[in-house]
Protein backbone atom coordinates (compact mmCIF):
# COMPACT_ATOMS: atom_id res chain seq x y z
CA UNK A 1 42.96 143.19 78.25
CA UNK A 2 40.06 142.94 80.59
CA UNK A 3 38.16 139.52 80.67
CA UNK A 4 34.63 139.14 81.81
CA UNK A 5 33.35 135.70 82.60
CA UNK A 6 35.25 134.25 79.61
CA UNK A 7 35.47 130.48 79.09
CA UNK A 8 39.00 128.87 80.14
CA UNK A 9 39.37 127.89 76.08
CA UNK A 10 39.02 131.60 75.02
CA UNK A 11 41.26 132.79 77.81
CA UNK A 12 43.88 130.53 76.99
CA UNK A 13 43.70 131.57 73.40
CA UNK A 14 43.59 135.46 73.99
CA UNK A 15 46.48 135.06 76.54
CA UNK A 16 48.98 133.03 74.42
CA UNK A 17 48.26 134.82 71.08
CA UNK A 18 47.98 138.56 72.59
CA UNK A 19 50.34 138.64 75.54
CA UNK A 20 52.51 135.62 76.04
CA UNK A 21 52.63 135.00 71.99
CA UNK A 22 54.04 131.43 72.39
CA UNK A 23 53.01 127.91 71.27
CA UNK A 24 50.52 126.09 73.39
CA UNK A 25 48.03 123.02 73.62
CA UNK A 26 45.00 122.70 75.54
CA UNK A 27 43.49 119.30 76.37
CA UNK A 28 40.14 118.68 74.97
CA UNK A 29 38.69 118.06 78.56
CA UNK A 30 40.15 120.97 79.58
CA UNK A 31 38.55 123.06 76.76
CA UNK A 32 35.41 121.40 77.53
CA UNK A 33 35.30 122.84 81.41
CA UNK A 34 32.52 125.00 82.47
CA UNK A 35 35.04 127.28 84.38
CA UNK A 36 34.74 131.11 83.49
CA UNK A 37 37.54 133.76 84.61
CA UNK A 38 36.92 137.54 84.96
CA UNK A 39 40.36 139.37 85.39
CA UNK A 40 42.17 142.21 83.82
CA UNK A 41 45.71 142.15 82.38
CA UNK A 42 46.02 145.82 81.34
CA UNK A 43 49.31 147.65 82.26
CA UNK A 44 51.11 145.51 84.02
CA UNK A 45 54.51 143.87 83.01
CA UNK A 46 54.57 140.55 81.00
CA UNK A 47 56.11 138.55 84.05
CA UNK A 48 53.27 140.08 86.36
CA UNK A 49 50.43 138.77 83.66
CA UNK A 50 52.00 135.22 83.31
CA UNK A 51 51.98 135.12 87.16
CA UNK A 52 48.44 136.10 87.45
CA UNK A 53 47.28 133.92 84.56
CA UNK A 54 48.98 130.85 85.72
CA UNK A 55 47.69 131.55 89.48
CA UNK A 56 43.91 131.98 88.08
CA UNK A 57 44.53 128.37 86.17
CA UNK A 58 45.97 126.74 89.09
CA UNK A 59 42.77 128.00 91.20
CA UNK A 60 40.36 126.92 88.88
CA UNK A 61 41.85 123.19 88.62
CA UNK A 62 43.98 123.22 85.72
CA UNK A 63 47.86 122.33 85.50
CA UNK A 64 50.25 124.33 83.27
CA UNK A 65 53.20 121.88 81.96
CA UNK A 66 56.13 123.42 79.90
CA UNK A 67 57.78 120.79 77.57
CA UNK A 68 59.99 121.45 74.74
CA UNK A 69 59.05 125.16 74.82
CA UNK A 70 55.14 124.51 74.51
CA UNK A 71 52.50 125.10 77.21
CA UNK A 72 50.18 122.12 78.10
CA UNK A 73 47.03 122.74 79.52
CA UNK A 74 45.01 120.35 81.26
CA UNK A 75 42.96 119.49 84.29
CA UNK A 76 44.61 118.74 87.33
CA UNK A 77 43.42 114.66 88.40
CA UNK A 78 42.44 114.09 92.00
CA UNK A 79 45.43 114.11 94.53
CA UNK A 80 48.00 115.46 92.02
CA UNK A 81 50.55 117.59 93.35
CA UNK A 82 52.78 120.26 91.12
CA UNK A 83 55.58 118.92 89.64
CA UNK A 84 58.73 121.17 89.88
CA UNK A 85 60.17 120.69 86.37
CA UNK A 86 61.38 124.37 85.69
CA UNK A 87 65.02 125.60 86.59
CA UNK A 88 65.63 129.19 86.70
CA UNK A 89 69.05 130.76 87.03
CA UNK A 90 69.11 134.40 88.17
CA UNK A 91 72.58 136.45 88.40
CA UNK A 92 71.95 139.32 91.33
CA UNK A 93 72.41 142.68 90.04
CA UNK A 94 72.54 144.31 93.32
CA UNK A 95 71.86 142.37 96.25
CA UNK A 96 73.88 139.45 97.86
CA UNK A 97 72.70 135.90 96.53
CA UNK A 98 72.28 134.23 99.69
CA UNK A 99 70.34 137.32 101.26
CA UNK A 100 67.72 136.91 98.38
CA UNK A 101 67.71 133.37 98.45
CA UNK A 102 67.15 133.45 102.49
CA UNK A 103 64.74 136.07 102.03
CA UNK A 104 61.87 134.70 99.84
CA UNK A 105 63.13 130.88 100.09
CA UNK A 106 60.21 130.22 102.28
CA UNK A 107 57.52 131.57 100.07
CA UNK A 108 57.40 128.19 97.58
CA UNK A 109 55.59 125.15 98.73
CA UNK A 110 57.12 122.92 95.85
CA UNK A 111 60.09 124.42 94.38
CA UNK A 112 63.39 125.54 96.36
CA UNK A 113 66.50 127.03 95.67
CA UNK A 114 69.57 124.81 94.63
CA UNK A 115 72.27 125.68 97.50
CA UNK A 116 74.61 123.56 99.31
CA UNK A 117 74.79 125.60 102.31
CA UNK A 118 75.54 123.52 105.68
CA UNK A 119 73.91 124.17 108.75
CA UNK A 120 75.94 126.05 111.40
CA UNK A 121 77.76 123.67 114.09
CA UNK A 122 76.27 123.87 117.29
CA UNK A 123 79.23 122.29 118.90
CA UNK A 124 80.91 125.48 118.40
CA UNK A 125 84.08 123.25 116.55
CA UNK A 126 86.46 125.50 114.69
CA UNK A 127 87.57 124.79 111.23
CA UNK A 128 90.59 122.70 111.05
CA UNK A 129 94.02 124.17 111.00
CA UNK A 130 94.89 122.48 108.07
CA UNK A 131 91.89 123.29 105.83
CA UNK A 132 92.98 125.69 102.76
CA UNK A 133 89.90 126.07 101.63
CA UNK A 134 89.37 123.20 99.37
CA UNK A 135 87.36 120.83 101.88
CA UNK A 136 83.75 119.70 101.09
CA UNK A 137 82.68 122.29 104.29
CA UNK A 138 84.64 125.41 103.00
CA UNK A 139 83.42 124.65 99.30
CA UNK A 140 80.01 124.85 100.63
CA UNK A 141 80.51 127.74 103.05
CA UNK A 142 81.58 129.83 99.74
CA UNK A 143 79.60 132.80 99.09
CA UNK A 144 77.68 132.55 95.63
CA UNK A 145 76.77 135.17 92.91
CA UNK A 146 74.02 133.16 91.24
CA UNK A 147 70.61 131.75 92.29
CA UNK A 148 69.58 128.45 90.79
CA UNK A 149 65.63 127.81 91.56
CA UNK A 150 63.87 124.34 90.67
CA UNK A 151 60.17 124.81 90.95
CA UNK A 152 56.98 124.76 89.06
CA UNK A 153 56.47 127.12 86.05
CA UNK A 154 53.87 128.99 88.15
CA UNK A 155 56.44 129.42 91.03
CA UNK A 156 59.23 130.75 88.43
CA UNK A 157 56.70 133.26 87.55
CA UNK A 158 56.37 134.28 90.86
CA UNK A 159 60.15 134.57 91.72
CA UNK A 160 60.79 136.61 88.85
CA UNK A 161 58.33 139.27 90.11
CA UNK A 162 59.52 138.82 93.81
CA UNK A 163 63.46 139.54 92.35
CA UNK A 164 62.22 142.45 90.16
CA UNK A 165 61.08 144.03 93.64
CA UNK A 166 63.92 142.99 95.89
CA UNK A 167 66.85 142.90 93.81
CA UNK A 168 67.20 146.68 93.95
CA UNK A 169 70.24 148.85 95.16
CA UNK A 170 71.25 148.70 98.61
CA UNK A 171 70.26 151.79 100.62
CA UNK A 172 73.46 153.61 102.02
CA UNK A 173 74.16 156.48 103.91
CA UNK A 174 77.22 159.15 104.12
CA UNK A 175 78.07 159.64 107.81
CA UNK A 176 80.16 162.68 108.28
CA UNK A 177 81.73 163.68 111.88
CA UNK A 178 83.91 165.95 113.74
CA UNK A 179 85.28 164.75 116.90
CA UNK A 180 86.53 167.64 119.64
CA UNK A 181 88.45 167.51 122.80
CA UNK A 182 86.98 170.38 124.93
CA UNK A 183 89.05 171.64 127.59
CA UNK A 184 88.80 174.00 130.47
CA UNK A 185 90.27 174.67 133.77
CA UNK A 186 89.35 176.13 137.15
CA UNK A 187 87.57 179.05 136.29
CA UNK A 188 86.53 177.87 132.68
CA UNK A 189 83.23 176.39 133.16
CA UNK A 190 81.87 174.38 130.05
CA UNK A 191 78.42 174.03 129.42
CA UNK A 192 77.35 172.02 126.24
CA UNK A 193 74.02 173.21 126.31
CA UNK A 194 75.22 176.93 126.54
CA UNK A 195 77.28 176.79 123.81
CA UNK A 196 74.89 174.98 121.38
CA UNK A 197 72.21 177.59 122.39
CA UNK A 198 74.75 180.70 121.65
CA UNK A 199 75.66 178.94 118.30
CA UNK A 200 71.97 178.67 117.62
CA UNK A 201 71.41 182.26 118.32
CA UNK A 202 74.31 183.50 116.13
CA UNK A 203 73.15 181.69 112.95
CA UNK A 204 69.35 181.54 113.52
CA UNK A 205 68.50 182.73 110.35
CA UNK A 206 70.10 179.72 108.86
CA UNK A 207 69.95 176.61 111.14
CA UNK A 208 66.91 177.15 113.56
CA UNK A 209 66.54 176.08 117.00
CA UNK A 210 68.52 173.68 118.75
CA UNK A 211 66.51 170.98 120.43
CA UNK A 212 67.52 169.07 122.95
CA UNK A 213 66.97 165.14 122.67
CA UNK A 214 66.27 164.68 126.26
CA UNK A 215 66.01 167.38 128.88
CA UNK A 216 69.03 168.11 130.85
CA UNK A 217 71.20 165.80 128.62
CA UNK A 218 74.23 166.26 126.45
CA UNK A 219 72.61 165.42 122.83
CA UNK A 220 71.68 168.00 120.87
CA UNK A 221 69.84 168.17 117.36
CA UNK A 222 69.96 171.10 115.16
CA UNK A 223 68.00 171.35 112.19
CA UNK A 224 68.48 172.61 108.42
CA UNK A 225 72.01 173.68 109.24
CA UNK A 226 75.38 172.11 107.45
CA UNK A 227 78.20 170.32 109.90
CA UNK A 228 80.74 172.51 107.92
CA UNK A 229 78.93 175.89 109.20
CA UNK A 230 78.92 174.37 112.73
CA UNK A 231 82.43 173.26 112.50
CA UNK A 232 83.43 176.68 111.48
CA UNK A 233 81.67 178.63 114.54
CA UNK A 234 83.56 176.09 116.78
CA UNK A 235 86.75 176.78 115.39
CA UNK A 236 86.39 180.11 116.96
CA UNK A 237 86.20 178.75 120.15
CA UNK A 238 89.88 177.95 121.61
CA UNK A 239 88.41 175.46 123.80
CA UNK A 240 87.55 173.23 121.02
CA UNK A 241 90.35 171.26 119.81
CA UNK A 242 89.47 168.88 116.56
CA UNK A 243 90.55 165.30 117.25
CA UNK A 244 89.62 163.74 113.80
CA UNK A 245 87.16 164.64 111.21
CA UNK A 246 86.00 161.34 109.21
CA UNK A 247 83.86 161.19 106.49
CA UNK A 248 82.77 157.87 105.51
CA UNK A 249 79.81 155.72 103.21
CA UNK A 250 77.93 153.01 105.39
CA UNK A 251 75.78 150.56 103.88
CA UNK A 252 72.29 149.58 105.46
CA UNK A 253 72.83 147.40 108.59
CA UNK A 254 76.92 147.35 107.87
CA UNK A 255 79.27 148.57 110.24
CA UNK A 256 82.15 151.40 109.10
CA UNK A 257 85.30 151.67 111.37
CA UNK A 258 87.32 154.72 111.30
CA UNK A 259 90.75 154.44 113.62
CA UNK A 260 93.44 157.34 113.58
CA UNK A 261 96.36 157.17 115.80
CA UNK A 262 100.11 155.68 116.33
CA UNK A 263 101.29 152.37 118.02
CA UNK A 264 103.09 153.04 121.10
CA UNK A 265 105.77 150.52 122.34
CA UNK A 266 105.22 148.55 125.55
CA UNK A 267 107.19 146.41 127.42
CA UNK A 268 105.78 142.73 127.15
CA UNK A 269 106.68 139.30 128.41
CA UNK A 270 110.12 138.45 129.70
CA UNK A 271 111.42 135.06 128.30
CA UNK A 272 114.91 133.39 128.44
CA UNK A 273 117.25 132.04 125.89
CA UNK A 274 119.07 128.73 125.80
CA UNK A 275 121.78 130.39 127.95
CA UNK A 276 119.00 131.38 130.47
CA UNK A 277 119.82 135.27 129.56
CA UNK A 278 116.46 137.41 129.86
CA UNK A 279 115.04 138.73 126.70
CA UNK A 280 112.63 141.58 126.84
CA UNK A 281 109.52 141.61 124.28
CA UNK A 282 108.16 144.89 123.10
CA UNK A 283 104.77 144.92 122.03
CA UNK A 284 102.85 147.63 120.24
CA UNK A 285 99.48 148.95 121.25
CA UNK A 286 97.33 151.01 119.29
CA UNK A 287 96.34 154.36 120.56
CA UNK A 288 94.24 157.40 119.24
CA UNK A 289 90.50 157.58 118.09
CA UNK A 290 88.22 155.33 117.13
CA UNK A 291 84.47 155.77 115.56
CA UNK A 292 82.47 152.83 114.72
CA UNK A 293 79.10 153.42 112.92
CA UNK A 294 76.35 150.96 112.18
CA UNK A 295 73.25 152.55 110.37
CA UNK A 296 69.69 151.06 110.20
CA UNK A 297 68.00 153.01 107.36
CA UNK A 298 64.12 153.07 107.55
CA UNK A 299 61.63 155.29 105.78
CA UNK A 300 62.34 158.60 107.45
CA UNK A 301 65.05 158.23 109.67
CA UNK A 302 68.26 156.42 110.31
CA UNK A 303 68.81 154.43 113.32
CA UNK A 304 72.75 155.03 114.03
CA UNK A 305 74.62 152.95 116.48
CA UNK A 306 77.65 155.19 117.27
CA UNK A 307 80.83 153.82 119.14
CA UNK A 308 83.33 156.28 119.93
CA UNK A 309 86.79 155.47 121.99
CA UNK A 310 89.47 157.94 122.59
CA UNK A 311 92.88 156.43 124.18
CA UNK A 312 96.27 157.99 124.98
CA UNK A 313 99.20 156.70 126.53
CA UNK A 314 100.65 158.66 129.98
CA UNK A 315 103.52 157.92 132.05
CA UNK A 316 103.17 155.36 134.99
CA UNK A 317 104.22 156.79 138.23
CA UNK A 318 102.69 153.76 140.18
CA UNK A 319 103.87 150.18 140.12
CA UNK A 320 105.63 149.38 136.83
CA UNK A 321 106.99 152.58 136.02
CA UNK A 322 108.99 151.27 132.81
CA UNK A 323 106.03 150.85 130.80
CA UNK A 324 103.13 153.69 130.11
CA UNK A 325 99.53 153.61 131.05
CA UNK A 326 96.79 153.41 128.31
CA UNK A 327 93.97 155.57 129.31
CA UNK A 328 90.63 154.83 127.19
CA UNK A 329 87.53 156.77 127.21
CA UNK A 330 84.61 155.26 125.30
CA UNK A 331 80.85 156.06 124.66
CA UNK A 332 78.28 153.82 122.97
CA UNK A 333 75.02 155.25 122.03
CA UNK A 334 71.88 154.43 119.48
CA UNK A 335 69.64 157.23 118.42
CA UNK A 336 67.31 157.99 115.24
CA UNK A 337 68.91 160.70 112.80
CA UNK A 338 66.78 162.60 110.58
CA UNK A 339 69.04 162.86 107.10
CA UNK A 340 70.21 166.52 106.99
CA UNK A 341 70.06 167.53 110.60
CA UNK A 342 73.48 167.90 112.64
CA UNK A 343 73.57 166.32 116.04
CA UNK A 344 76.06 166.90 118.98
CA UNK A 345 76.93 164.38 121.28
CA UNK A 346 78.55 165.17 124.36
CA UNK A 347 78.76 163.62 127.98
CA UNK A 348 82.09 161.71 127.70
CA UNK A 349 84.00 163.89 130.59
CA UNK A 350 87.24 163.50 132.24
CA UNK A 351 88.57 165.52 135.27
CA UNK A 352 91.97 165.47 136.03
CA UNK A 353 93.82 167.04 139.33
CA UNK A 354 97.41 168.16 139.19
CA UNK A 355 99.33 169.32 142.43
CA UNK A 356 102.35 171.67 142.48
CA UNK A 357 104.61 172.23 145.67
CA UNK A 358 107.75 174.00 146.17
CA UNK A 359 109.92 173.79 149.19
CA UNK A 360 112.47 176.03 150.62
CA UNK A 361 116.01 174.85 149.75
CA UNK A 362 117.51 172.04 151.65
CA UNK A 363 114.52 171.85 153.69
CA UNK A 364 111.21 170.14 153.94
CA UNK A 365 109.25 173.40 154.33
CA UNK A 366 106.80 174.21 151.91
CA UNK A 367 106.80 177.37 150.71
CA UNK A 368 103.62 177.07 147.88
CA UNK A 369 100.94 174.29 147.59
CA UNK A 370 98.91 175.16 144.44
CA UNK A 371 96.47 172.55 142.94
CA UNK A 372 94.85 172.82 139.34
CA UNK A 373 91.97 171.08 138.15
CA UNK A 374 91.53 170.23 134.69
CA UNK A 375 88.27 169.16 132.62
CA UNK A 376 87.93 167.89 129.68
CA UNK A 377 84.86 166.33 127.38
CA UNK A 378 84.67 164.75 124.20
CA UNK A 379 81.87 166.27 121.97
CA UNK A 380 81.01 164.58 118.64
CA UNK A 381 79.21 166.46 115.68
CA UNK A 382 77.17 163.76 113.55
CA UNK A 383 75.49 164.37 110.21
CA UNK A 384 74.26 161.70 107.98
CA UNK A 385 72.91 162.11 104.24
CA UNK A 386 71.29 159.93 102.06
CA UNK A 387 73.78 158.28 99.31
CA UNK A 388 71.61 155.37 97.73
CA UNK A 389 72.81 154.89 94.10
CA UNK A 390 70.11 155.74 91.85
């Protein structure tokens, strides 16, 4: 429906009888106004048509008030401010209510969301230990699944349009990874770049070329391939030992964590009982593999923050040898990943030297003195795939 320089009375009549199909009353002074309108309401949803109509009326100096299910149209008086007399209750379908309220709450001059959310404490005072969740502060801080908006009818119409565009399924990705520990000795040089280029040549028809993200780095991108295909190829190399193979779903901006390992008993503090006898406590410390991923989903790429930590306990040879030593290797990186491509990330290297001496029996004469140098590197294959619900 298109209008070309139509008087206000004719516009109101056509809108409420053909589009809105609801009762209305137009004030005689408003009906005699000289205002004319040119607008098109074709092929748009009713909520958007109502928002356009109310915005056009407001811009021309008219007020639309709804009382008892009837819209009253009149001229705005000088200095009159819009009245927030409409309450709109909305139950989000996909997104968090607080997220939606914070995102669009500042777009309205008159209306506001009815939310009892306290301002964060600036003094860092923690919650009282005896607070069981029924205090006023805890009640106000609870998450909500409902939006309550109080504003003008025009603002309510706008809000409905905003919510229709924003309350959509959150984007999420599937993060797949394979973590390897690659080992090598004195005569076994390991070059990750050479291994990747060799893999690319063997499966050139399937995966294409391997591109280094930065010249001389330990990060590579393989296009148009599958993580499973590359993992099977690496399985043929005895130097590659699989540490873990996580497969998780991660929502946009949310952190996902994968941990695999064991809790190792470690000697703790020594206390004394009432009789003065020492009591040795035992603490359990986790060790193994920890992978944390936080994706930021954009239009064409996924900015992936990846943190990997590998830890294990070894016997303590100096100091307190009754308690093992925790060895930890940690690597944090952030990069833009294209869904479907496989990224190979290395660089977390460890070098260990062992010395083996043998002596003539009952003497200090050294018969042999052999040194062995062992190298290991943590290599991670990562692939992200779009897993947003339709």
